[in-house]
């Protein structure tokens, strides 16, 4: 199972969160795609902010998504700002484990 081996998990995160970021930065976005994109991104944010998540896993999750093209290519300030906040939180708040 590729998801269980860690590499597949990075792929899954990149595909899921990356797709949300694509929806939020698409030229032809509409209220439906905005809602889906922000909902998925918010869920990811809650997941990486969970105190139960090991710090290394948190950083790996952020890096899996950051490596994609969606953040480099967007000029949308709201998306870049939200992502910067997610990254800060992931790196600045260690797990409570």
PDB file of N, CA and C in Angstrom:
ATOM      1  N   UNK A   1       0.843  -1.176   0.000  1.00  0.00           N
ATOM      2  CA  UNK A   1       0.000   0.000   0.000  1.00  0.00           C
ATOM      3  C   UNK A   1       0.887   1.238   0.000  1.00  0.00           C
ATOM      4  N   UNK A   2       0.801   2.036  -1.042  1.00  0.00           N
ATOM      5  CA  UNK A   2       1.677   3.208  -1.180  1.00  0.00           C
ATOM      6  C   UNK A   2       1.372   4.276  -0.148  1.00  0.00           C
ATOM      7  N   UNK A   3       0.121   4.426   0.272  1.00  0.00           N
ATOM      8  CA  UNK A   3      -0.208   5.435   1.269  1.00  0.00           C
ATOM      9  C   UNK A   3       0.432   5.083   2.600  1.00  0.00           C
ATOM     10  N   UNK A   4       0.478   3.821   2.947  1.00  0.00           N
ATOM     11  CA  UNK A   4       1.033   3.389   4.222  1.00  0.00           C
ATOM     12  C   UNK A   4       2.544   3.550   4.288  1.00  0.00           C
ATOM     13  N   UNK A   5       3.228   3.602   3.153  1.00  0.00           N
ATOM     14  CA  UNK A   5       4.686   3.660   3.182  1.00  0.00           C
ATOM     15  C   UNK A   5       5.256   5.062   3.343  1.00  0.00           C
ATOM     16  N   UNK A   6       4.451   6.070   3.432  1.00  0.00           N
ATOM     17  CA  UNK A   6       4.960   7.422   3.611  1.00  0.00           C
ATOM     18  C   UNK A   6       5.080   8.168   2.297  1.00  0.00           C
ATOM     19  N   UNK A   7       5.677   7.558   1.277  1.00  0.00           N
ATOM     20  CA  UNK A   7       5.789   8.200  -0.022  1.00  0.00           C
ATOM     21  C   UNK A   7       4.428   8.415  -0.637  1.00  0.00           C
ATOM     22  N   UNK A   8       3.572   7.428  -0.478  1.00  0.00           N
ATOM     23  CA  UNK A   8       2.210   7.553  -0.983  1.00  0.00           C
ATOM     24  C   UNK A   8       1.424   8.612  -0.236  1.00  0.00           C
ATOM     25  N   UNK A   9       1.733   8.783   1.040  1.00  0.00           N
ATOM     26  CA  UNK A   9       1.050   9.810   1.825  1.00  0.00           C
ATOM     27  C   UNK A   9       1.415  11.195   1.302  1.00  0.00           C
ATOM     28  N   UNK A  10       2.673  11.399   0.973  1.00  0.00           N
ATOM     29  CA  UNK A  10       3.093  12.681   0.408  1.00  0.00           C
ATOM     30  C   UNK A  10       2.362  12.939  -0.908  1.00  0.00           C
ATOM     31  N   UNK A  11       2.242  11.889  -1.724  1.00  0.00           N
ATOM     32  CA  UNK A  11       1.508  12.007  -2.989  1.00  0.00           C
ATOM     33  C   UNK A  11       0.051  12.360  -2.758  1.00  0.00           C
ATOM     34  N   UNK A  12      -0.564  11.679  -1.794  1.00  0.00           N
ATOM     35  CA  UNK A  12      -1.969  11.923  -1.477  1.00  0.00           C
ATOM     36  C   UNK A  12      -2.182  13.361  -1.017  1.00  0.00           C
ATOM     37  N   UNK A  13      -1.317  13.843  -0.151  1.00  0.00           N
ATOM     38  CA  UNK A  13      -1.429  15.225   0.320  1.00  0.00           C
ATOM     39  C   UNK A  13      -1.244  16.212  -0.819  1.00  0.00           C
ATOM     40  N   UNK A  14      -0.250  15.966  -1.643  1.00  0.00           N
ATOM     41  CA  UNK A  14       0.002  16.865  -2.763  1.00  0.00           C
ATOM     42  C   UNK A  14      -1.185  16.892  -3.724  1.00  0.00           C
ATOM     43  N   UNK A  15      -1.764  15.737  -3.976  1.00  0.00           N
ATOM     44  CA  UNK A  15      -2.914  15.686  -4.884  1.00  0.00           C
ATOM     45  C   UNK A  15      -4.140  16.357  -4.285  1.00  0.00           C
ATOM     46  N   UNK A  16      -4.404  16.094  -3.019  1.00  0.00           N
ATOM     47  CA  UNK A  16      -5.613  16.626  -2.384  1.00  0.00           C
ATOM     48  C   UNK A  16      -5.497  18.121  -2.127  1.00  0.00           C
ATOM     49  N   UNK A  17      -4.482  18.500  -1.384  1.00  0.00           N
ATOM     50  CA  UNK A  17      -4.319  19.912  -1.038  1.00  0.00           C
ATOM     51  C   UNK A  17      -3.899  20.706  -2.272  1.00  0.00           C
ATOM     52  N   UNK A  18      -3.075  20.096  -3.113  1.00  0.00           N
ATOM     53  CA  UNK A  18      -2.696  20.753  -4.355  1.00  0.00           C
ATOM     54  C   UNK A  18      -3.902  21.051  -5.227  1.00  0.00           C
ATOM     55  N   UNK A  19      -4.830  20.118  -5.279  1.00  0.00           N
ATOM     56  CA  UNK A  19      -6.053  20.342  -6.068  1.00  0.00           C
ATOM     57  C   UNK A  19      -6.879  21.478  -5.475  1.00  0.00           C
ATOM     58  N   UNK A  20      -6.941  21.549  -4.143  1.00  0.00           N
ATOM     59  CA  UNK A  20      -7.661  22.649  -3.493  1.00  0.00           C
ATOM     60  C   UNK A  20      -7.018  23.983  -3.853  1.00  0.00           C
ATOM     61  N   UNK A  21      -5.684  24.018  -3.838  1.00  0.00           N
ATOM     62  CA  UNK A  21      -4.984  25.250  -4.186  1.00  0.00           C
ATOM     63  C   UNK A  21      -5.195  25.602  -5.656  1.00  0.00           C
ATOM     64  N   UNK A  22      -5.255  24.589  -6.516  1.00  0.00           N
ATOM     65  CA  UNK A  22      -5.555  24.850  -7.929  1.00  0.00           C
ATOM     66  C   UNK A  22      -6.940  25.469  -8.081  1.00  0.00           C
ATOM     67  N   UNK A  23      -7.913  24.942  -7.342  1.00  0.00           N
ATOM     68  CA  UNK A  23      -9.266  25.494  -7.403  1.00  0.00           C
ATOM     69  C   UNK A  23      -9.292  26.949  -6.949  1.00  0.00           C
ATOM     70  N   UNK A  24      -8.504  27.263  -5.931  1.00  0.00           N
ATOM     71  CA  UNK A  24      -8.493  28.613  -5.380  1.00  0.00           C
ATOM     72  C   UNK A  24      -7.722  29.606  -6.237  1.00  0.00           C
ATOM     73  N   UNK A  25      -6.903  29.120  -7.123  1.00  0.00           N
ATOM     74  CA  UNK A  25      -6.097  30.025  -7.943  1.00  0.00           C
ATOM     75  C   UNK A  25      -6.480  29.995  -9.415  1.00  0.00           C
ATOM     76  N   UNK A  26      -7.464  29.183  -9.765  1.00  0.00           N
ATOM     77  CA  UNK A  26      -7.892  29.083 -11.163  1.00  0.00           C
ATOM     78  C   UNK A  26      -8.510  30.392 -11.637  1.00  0.00           C
ATOM     79  N   UNK A  27      -8.274  30.709 -12.872  1.00  0.00           N
ATOM     80  CA  UNK A  27      -8.826  31.936 -13.450  1.00  0.00           C
ATOM     81  C   UNK A  27     -10.352  31.891 -13.487  1.00  0.00           C
ATOM     82  N   UNK A  28     -10.923  30.757 -13.857  1.00  0.00           N
ATOM     83  CA  UNK A  28     -12.373  30.650 -13.992  1.00  0.00           C
ATOM     84  C   UNK A  28     -13.073  30.118 -12.754  1.00  0.00           C
ATOM     85  N   UNK A  29     -12.568  30.413 -11.563  1.00  0.00           N
ATOM     86  CA  UNK A  29     -13.185  29.869 -10.355  1.00  0.00           C
ATOM     87  C   UNK A  29     -14.554  30.496 -10.123  1.00  0.00           C
ATOM     88  N   UNK A  30     -15.404  29.760  -9.426  1.00  0.00           N
ATOM     89  CA  UNK A  30     -16.757  30.222  -9.122  1.00  0.00           C
ATOM     90  C   UNK A  30     -17.030  29.965  -7.639  1.00  0.00           C
ATOM     91  N   UNK A  31     -18.187  30.355  -7.128  1.00  0.00           N
ATOM     92  CA  UNK A  31     -18.466  30.171  -5.697  1.00  0.00           C
ATOM     93  C   UNK A  31     -18.355  28.717  -5.232  1.00  0.00           C
ATOM     94  N   UNK A  32     -18.717  27.780  -6.090  1.00  0.00           N
ATOM     95  CA  UNK A  32     -18.632  26.366  -5.726  1.00  0.00           C
ATOM     96  C   UNK A  32     -17.182  25.925  -5.557  1.00  0.00           C
ATOM     97  N   UNK A  33     -16.332  26.276  -6.514  1.00  0.00           N
ATOM     98  CA  UNK A  33     -14.931  25.877  -6.410  1.00  0.00           C
ATOM     99  C   UNK A  33     -14.227  26.614  -5.275  1.00  0.00           C
ATOM    100  N   UNK A  34     -14.630  27.856  -5.017  1.00  0.00           N
ATOM    101  CA  UNK A  34     -14.081  28.608  -3.876  1.00  0.00           C
ATOM    102  C   UNK A  34     -14.397  27.877  -2.566  1.00  0.00           C
ATOM    103  N   UNK A  35     -15.634  27.465  -2.415  1.00  0.00           N
ATOM    104  CA  UNK A  35     -16.058  26.786  -1.193  1.00  0.00           C
ATOM    105  C   UNK A  35     -15.302  25.477  -1.003  1.00  0.00           C
ATOM    106  N   UNK A  36     -15.201  24.700  -2.045  1.00  0.00           N
ATOM    107  CA  UNK A  36     -14.485  23.418  -1.963  1.00  0.00           C
ATOM    108  C   UNK A  36     -13.009  23.665  -1.640  1.00  0.00           C
ATOM    109  N   UNK A  37     -12.386  24.567  -2.342  1.00  0.00           N
ATOM    110  CA  UNK A  37     -10.971  24.851  -2.132  1.00  0.00           C
ATOM    111  C   UNK A  37     -10.673  25.319  -0.716  1.00  0.00           C
ATOM    112  N   UNK A  38     -11.449  26.288  -0.217  1.00  0.00           N
ATOM    113  CA  UNK A  38     -11.204  26.794   1.136  1.00  0.00           C
ATOM    114  C   UNK A  38     -11.512  25.743   2.193  1.00  0.00           C
ATOM    115  N   UNK A  39     -12.517  24.913   1.969  1.00  0.00           N
ATOM    116  CA  UNK A  39     -12.858  23.863   2.935  1.00  0.00           C
ATOM    117  C   UNK A  39     -11.733  22.842   3.062  1.00  0.00           C
ATOM    118  N   UNK A  40     -11.205  22.383   1.930  1.00  0.00           N
ATOM    119  CA  UNK A  40     -10.111  21.407   1.957  1.00  0.00           C
ATOM    120  C   UNK A  40      -8.864  22.033   2.580  1.00  0.00           C
ATOM    121  N   UNK A  41      -8.561  23.276   2.223  1.00  0.00           N
ATOM    122  CA  UNK A  41      -7.389  23.935   2.783  1.00  0.00           C
ATOM    123  C   UNK A  41      -7.539  24.132   4.297  1.00  0.00           C
ATOM    124  N   UNK A  42      -8.725  24.492   4.737  1.00  0.00           N
ATOM    125  CA  UNK A  42      -8.975  24.662   6.176  1.00  0.00           C
ATOM    126  C   UNK A  42      -8.822  23.336   6.915  1.00  0.00           C
ATOM    127  N   UNK A  43      -9.313  22.244   6.334  1.00  0.00           N
ATOM    128  CA  UNK A  43      -9.171  20.924   6.956  1.00  0.00           C
ATOM    129  C   UNK A  43      -7.698  20.539   7.063  1.00  0.00           C
ATOM    130  N   UNK A  44      -6.929  20.821   6.021  1.00  0.00           N
ATOM    131  CA  UNK A  44      -5.489  20.552   6.056  1.00  0.00           C
ATOM    132  C   UNK A  44      -4.831  21.379   7.161  1.00  0.00           C
ATOM    133  N   UNK A  45      -5.225  22.631   7.254  1.00  0.00           N
ATOM    134  CA  UNK A  45      -4.673  23.508   8.289  1.00  0.00           C
ATOM    135  C   UNK A  45      -4.951  22.959   9.686  1.00  0.00           C
ATOM    136  N   UNK A  46      -6.166  22.497   9.922  1.00  0.00           N
ATOM    137  CA  UNK A  46      -6.510  21.911  11.223  1.00  0.00           C
ATOM    138  C   UNK A  46      -5.696  20.639  11.485  1.00  0.00           C
ATOM    139  N   UNK A  47      -5.476  19.863  10.458  1.00  0.00           N
ATOM    140  CA  UNK A  47      -4.717  18.620  10.603  1.00  0.00           C
ATOM    141  C   UNK A  47      -3.268  18.903  10.982  1.00  0.00           C
ATOM    142  N   UNK A  48      -2.616  19.807  10.262  1.00  0.00           N
ATOM    143  CA  UNK A  48      -1.207  20.072  10.579  1.00  0.00           C
ATOM    144  C   UNK A  48      -1.040  20.864  11.867  1.00  0.00           C
ATOM    145  N   UNK A  49      -2.109  21.481  12.346  1.00  0.00           N
ATOM    146  CA  UNK A  49      -2.030  22.228  13.600  1.00  0.00           C
ATOM    147  C   UNK A  49      -2.332  21.354  14.815  1.00  0.00           C
ATOM    148  N   UNK A  50      -2.790  20.137  14.599  1.00  0.00           N
ATOM    149  CA  UNK A  50      -3.156  19.260  15.708  1.00  0.00           C
ATOM    150  C   UNK A  50      -1.939  18.978  16.592  1.00  0.00           C
ATOM    151  N   UNK A  51      -2.070  19.172  17.895  1.00  0.00           N
ATOM    152  CA  UNK A  51      -0.931  18.945  18.794  1.00  0.00           C
ATOM    153  C   UNK A  51      -0.497  17.480  18.844  1.00  0.00           C
ATOM    154  N   UNK A  52      -1.351  16.559  18.414  1.00  0.00           N
ATOM    155  CA  UNK A  52      -1.009  15.139  18.428  1.00  0.00           C
ATOM    156  C   UNK A  52      -0.107  14.743  17.258  1.00  0.00           C
ATOM    157  N   UNK A  53      -0.004  15.598  16.261  1.00  0.00           N
ATOM    158  CA  UNK A  53       0.783  15.278  15.074  1.00  0.00           C
ATOM    159  C   UNK A  53       2.263  15.512  15.364  1.00  0.00           C
ATOM    160  N   UNK A  54       3.071  14.513  15.115  1.00  0.00           N
ATOM    161  CA  UNK A  54       4.507  14.629  15.354  1.00  0.00           C
ATOM    162  C   UNK A  54       5.088  15.731  14.474  1.00  0.00           C
ATOM    163  N   UNK A  55       6.041  16.477  15.004  1.00  0.00           N
ATOM    164  CA  UNK A  55       6.621  17.613  14.297  1.00  0.00           C
ATOM    165  C   UNK A  55       7.196  17.221  12.936  1.00  0.00           C
ATOM    166  N   UNK A  56       7.860  16.088  12.851  1.00  0.00           N
ATOM    167  CA  UNK A  56       8.436  15.664  11.573  1.00  0.00           C
ATOM    168  C   UNK A  56       7.345  15.366  10.540  1.00  0.00           C
ATOM    169  N   UNK A  57       6.251  14.801  10.986  1.00  0.00           N
ATOM    170  CA  UNK A  57       5.128  14.516  10.090  1.00  0.00           C
ATOM    171  C   UNK A  57       4.498  15.815   9.616  1.00  0.00           C
ATOM    172  N   UNK A  58       4.371  16.755  10.526  1.00  0.00           N
ATOM    173  CA  UNK A  58       3.801  18.067  10.188  1.00  0.00           C
ATOM    174  C   UNK A  58       4.638  18.745   9.103  1.00  0.00           C
ATOM    175  N   UNK A  59       5.930  18.753   9.289  1.00  0.00           N
ATOM    176  CA  UNK A  59       6.825  19.395   8.326  1.00  0.00           C
ATOM    177  C   UNK A  59       6.794  18.646   6.990  1.00  0.00           C
ATOM    178  N   UNK A  60       6.781  17.321   7.040  1.00  0.00           N
ATOM    179  CA  UNK A  60       6.713  16.531   5.807  1.00  0.00           C
ATOM    180  C   UNK A  60       5.418  16.811   5.045  1.00  0.00           C
ATOM    181  N   UNK A  61       4.314  16.984   5.771  1.00  0.00           N
ATOM    182  CA  UNK A  61       3.031  17.281   5.127  1.00  0.00           C
ATOM    183  C   UNK A  61       3.080  18.633   4.428  1.00  0.00           C
ATOM    184  N   UNK A  62       3.635  19.623   5.093  1.00  0.00           N
ATOM    185  CA  UNK A  62       3.758  20.954   4.489  1.00  0.00           C
ATOM    186  C   UNK A  62       4.664  20.889   3.257  1.00  0.00           C
ATOM    187  N   UNK A  63       5.786  20.212   3.388  1.00  0.00           N
ATOM    188  CA  UNK A  63       6.732  20.129   2.268  1.00  0.00           C
ATOM    189  C   UNK A  63       6.154  19.363   1.082  1.00  0.00           C
ATOM    190  N   UNK A  64       5.326  18.364   1.343  1.00  0.00           N
ATOM    191  CA  UNK A  64       4.714  17.598   0.251  1.00  0.00           C
ATOM    192  C   UNK A  64       3.857  18.493  -0.630  1.00  0.00           C
ATOM    193  N   UNK A  65       3.191  19.448  -0.013  1.00  0.00           N
ATOM    194  CA  UNK A  65       2.327  20.346  -0.773  1.00  0.00           C
ATOM    195  C   UNK A  65       3.126  21.505  -1.359  1.00  0.00           C
ATOM    196  N   UNK A  66       4.089  22.006  -0.609  1.00  0.00           N
ATOM    197  CA  UNK A  66       4.875  23.156  -1.045  1.00  0.00           C
ATOM    198  C   UNK A  66       5.686  22.852  -2.295  1.00  0.00           C
ATOM    199  N   UNK A  67       6.060  21.592  -2.496  1.00  0.00           N
ATOM    200  CA  UNK A  67       6.859  21.218  -3.660  1.00  0.00           C
ATOM    201  C   UNK A  67       6.098  21.313  -4.979  1.00  0.00           C
ATOM    202  N   UNK A  68       4.786  21.422  -4.917  1.00  0.00           N
ATOM    203  CA  UNK A  68       3.985  21.476  -6.142  1.00  0.00           C
ATOM    204  C   UNK A  68       4.039  22.841  -6.802  1.00  0.00           C
ATOM    205  N   UNK A  69       3.551  22.939  -8.033  1.00  0.00           N
ATOM    206  CA  UNK A  69       3.610  24.197  -8.788  1.00  0.00           C
ATOM    207  C   UNK A  69       2.571  25.228  -8.361  1.00  0.00           C
ATOM    208  N   UNK A  70       1.522  24.816  -7.676  1.00  0.00           N
ATOM    209  CA  UNK A  70       0.378  25.679  -7.392  1.00  0.00           C
ATOM    210  C   UNK A  70       0.730  26.910  -6.581  1.00  0.00           C
ATOM    211  N   UNK A  71       1.654  26.829  -5.644  1.00  0.00           N
ATOM    212  CA  UNK A  71       1.990  28.003  -4.838  1.00  0.00           C
ATOM    213  C   UNK A  71       2.962  28.932  -5.558  1.00  0.00           C
ATOM    214  N   UNK A  72       3.829  28.384  -6.361  1.00  0.00           N
ATOM    215  CA  UNK A  72       4.781  29.216  -7.094  1.00  0.00           C
ATOM    216  C   UNK A  72       4.088  30.043  -8.166  1.00  0.00           C
ATOM    217  N   UNK A  73       3.019  29.510  -8.709  1.00  0.00           N
ATOM    218  CA  UNK A  73       2.393  30.137  -9.873  1.00  0.00           C
ATOM    219  C   UNK A  73       1.226  31.058  -9.530  1.00  0.00           C
ATOM    220  N   UNK A  74       0.795  31.081  -8.277  1.00  0.00           N
ATOM    221  CA  UNK A  74      -0.371  31.894  -7.962  1.00  0.00           C
ATOM    222  C   UNK A  74       0.006  33.318  -7.604  1.00  0.00           C
ATOM    223  N   UNK A  75      -0.795  34.238  -8.065  1.00  0.00           N
ATOM    224  CA  UNK A  75      -0.620  35.628  -7.686  1.00  0.00           C
ATOM    225  C   UNK A  75      -1.708  36.055  -6.716  1.00  0.00           C
ATOM    226  N   UNK A  76      -2.547  35.117  -6.312  1.00  0.00           N
ATOM    227  CA  UNK A  76      -3.675  35.448  -5.448  1.00  0.00           C
ATOM    228  C   UNK A  76      -3.204  35.640  -4.004  1.00  0.00           C
ATOM    229  N   UNK A  77      -3.310  36.857  -3.517  1.00  0.00           N
ATOM    230  CA  UNK A  77      -2.771  37.227  -2.209  1.00  0.00           C
ATOM    231  C   UNK A  77      -3.425  36.453  -1.068  1.00  0.00           C
ATOM    232  N   UNK A  78      -4.720  36.220  -1.121  1.00  0.00           N
ATOM    233  CA  UNK A  78      -5.418  35.527  -0.029  1.00  0.00           C
ATOM    234  C   UNK A  78      -4.897  34.103   0.144  1.00  0.00           C
ATOM    235  N   UNK A  79      -4.621  33.428  -0.961  1.00  0.00           N
ATOM    236  CA  UNK A  79      -4.129  32.053  -0.897  1.00  0.00           C
ATOM    237  C   UNK A  79      -2.693  32.039  -0.383  1.00  0.00           C
ATOM    238  N   UNK A  80      -1.859  32.927  -0.886  1.00  0.00           N
ATOM    239  CA  UNK A  80      -0.470  32.985  -0.431  1.00  0.00           C
ATOM    240  C   UNK A  80      -0.388  33.339   1.047  1.00  0.00           C
ATOM    241  N   UNK A  81      -1.232  34.244   1.487  1.00  0.00           N
ATOM    242  CA  UNK A  81      -1.257  34.658   2.885  1.00  0.00           C
ATOM    243  C   UNK A  81      -1.689  33.511   3.795  1.00  0.00           C
ATOM    244  N   UNK A  82      -2.737  32.789   3.404  1.00  0.00           N
ATOM    245  CA  UNK A  82      -3.216  31.659   4.201  1.00  0.00           C
ATOM    246  C   UNK A  82      -2.149  30.574   4.267  1.00  0.00           C
ATOM    247  N   UNK A  83      -1.510  30.300   3.130  1.00  0.00           N
ATOM    248  CA  UNK A  83      -0.480  29.267   3.124  1.00  0.00           C
ATOM    249  C   UNK A  83       0.698  29.675   4.011  1.00  0.00           C
ATOM    250  N   UNK A  84       1.085  30.930   3.984  1.00  0.00           N
ATOM    251  CA  UNK A  84       2.184  31.406   4.835  1.00  0.00           C
ATOM    252  C   UNK A  84       1.831  31.206   6.308  1.00  0.00           C
ATOM    253  N   UNK A  85       0.577  31.455   6.674  1.00  0.00           N
ATOM    254  CA  UNK A  85       0.137  31.250   8.057  1.00  0.00           C
ATOM    255  C   UNK A  85       0.186  29.771   8.438  1.00  0.00           C
ATOM    256  N   UNK A  86      -0.203  28.902   7.525  1.00  0.00           N
ATOM    257  CA  UNK A  86      -0.158  27.455   7.775  1.00  0.00           C
ATOM    258  C   UNK A  86       1.297  27.015   7.987  1.00  0.00           C
ATOM    259  N   UNK A  87       2.188  27.482   7.136  1.00  0.00           N
ATOM    260  CA  UNK A  87       3.606  27.131   7.274  1.00  0.00           C
ATOM    261  C   UNK A  87       4.189  27.626   8.591  1.00  0.00           C
ATOM    262  N   UNK A  88       3.898  28.870   8.930  1.00  0.00           N
ATOM    263  CA  UNK A  88       4.404  29.422  10.205  1.00  0.00           C
ATOM    264  C   UNK A  88       3.945  28.573  11.371  1.00  0.00           C
ATOM    265  N   UNK A  89       2.667  28.239  11.373  1.00  0.00           N
ATOM    266  CA  UNK A  89       2.128  27.453  12.478  1.00  0.00           C
ATOM    267  C   UNK A  89       2.782  26.071  12.539  1.00  0.00           C
ATOM    268  N   UNK A  90       2.974  25.468  11.401  1.00  0.00           N
ATOM    269  CA  UNK A  90       3.560  24.127  11.366  1.00  0.00           C
ATOM    270  C   UNK A  90       4.992  24.125  11.873  1.00  0.00           C
ATOM    271  N   UNK A  91       5.754  25.145  11.557  1.00  0.00           N
ATOM    272  CA  UNK A  91       7.155  25.176  11.949  1.00  0.00           C
ATOM    273  C   UNK A  91       7.375  25.773  13.336  1.00  0.00           C
ATOM    274  N   UNK A  92       6.480  26.634  13.778  1.00  0.00           N
ATOM    275  CA  UNK A  92       6.684  27.337  15.058  1.00  0.00           C
ATOM    276  C   UNK A  92       6.039  26.683  16.259  1.00  0.00           C
ATOM    277  N   UNK A  93       5.153  25.733  16.064  1.00  0.00           N
ATOM    278  CA  UNK A  93       4.442  25.117  17.172  1.00  0.00           C
ATOM    279  C   UNK A  93       4.739  23.616  17.233  1.00  0.00           C
ATOM    280  N   UNK A  94       5.683  23.239  18.068  1.00  0.00           N
ATOM    281  CA  UNK A  94       6.008  21.815  18.145  1.00  0.00           C
ATOM    282  C   UNK A  94       4.869  21.002  18.741  1.00  0.00           C
ATOM    283  N   UNK A  95       4.867  19.745  18.424  1.00  0.00           N
ATOM    284  CA  UNK A  95       3.848  18.820  18.947  1.00  0.00           C
ATOM    285  C   UNK A  95       3.968  18.697  20.453  1.00  0.00           C
ATOM    286  N   UNK A  96       2.885  18.327  21.093  1.00  0.00           N
ATOM    287  CA  UNK A  96       2.870  18.151  22.543  1.00  0.00           C
ATOM    288  C   UNK A  96       3.219  16.750  22.968  1.00  0.00           C
ATOM    289  N   UNK A  97       3.621  15.901  22.019  1.00  0.00           N
ATOM    290  CA  UNK A  97       3.949  14.514  22.354  1.00  0.00           C
ATOM    291  C   UNK A  97       5.208  14.448  23.176  1.00  0.00           C
TER     292      UNK A  97
END
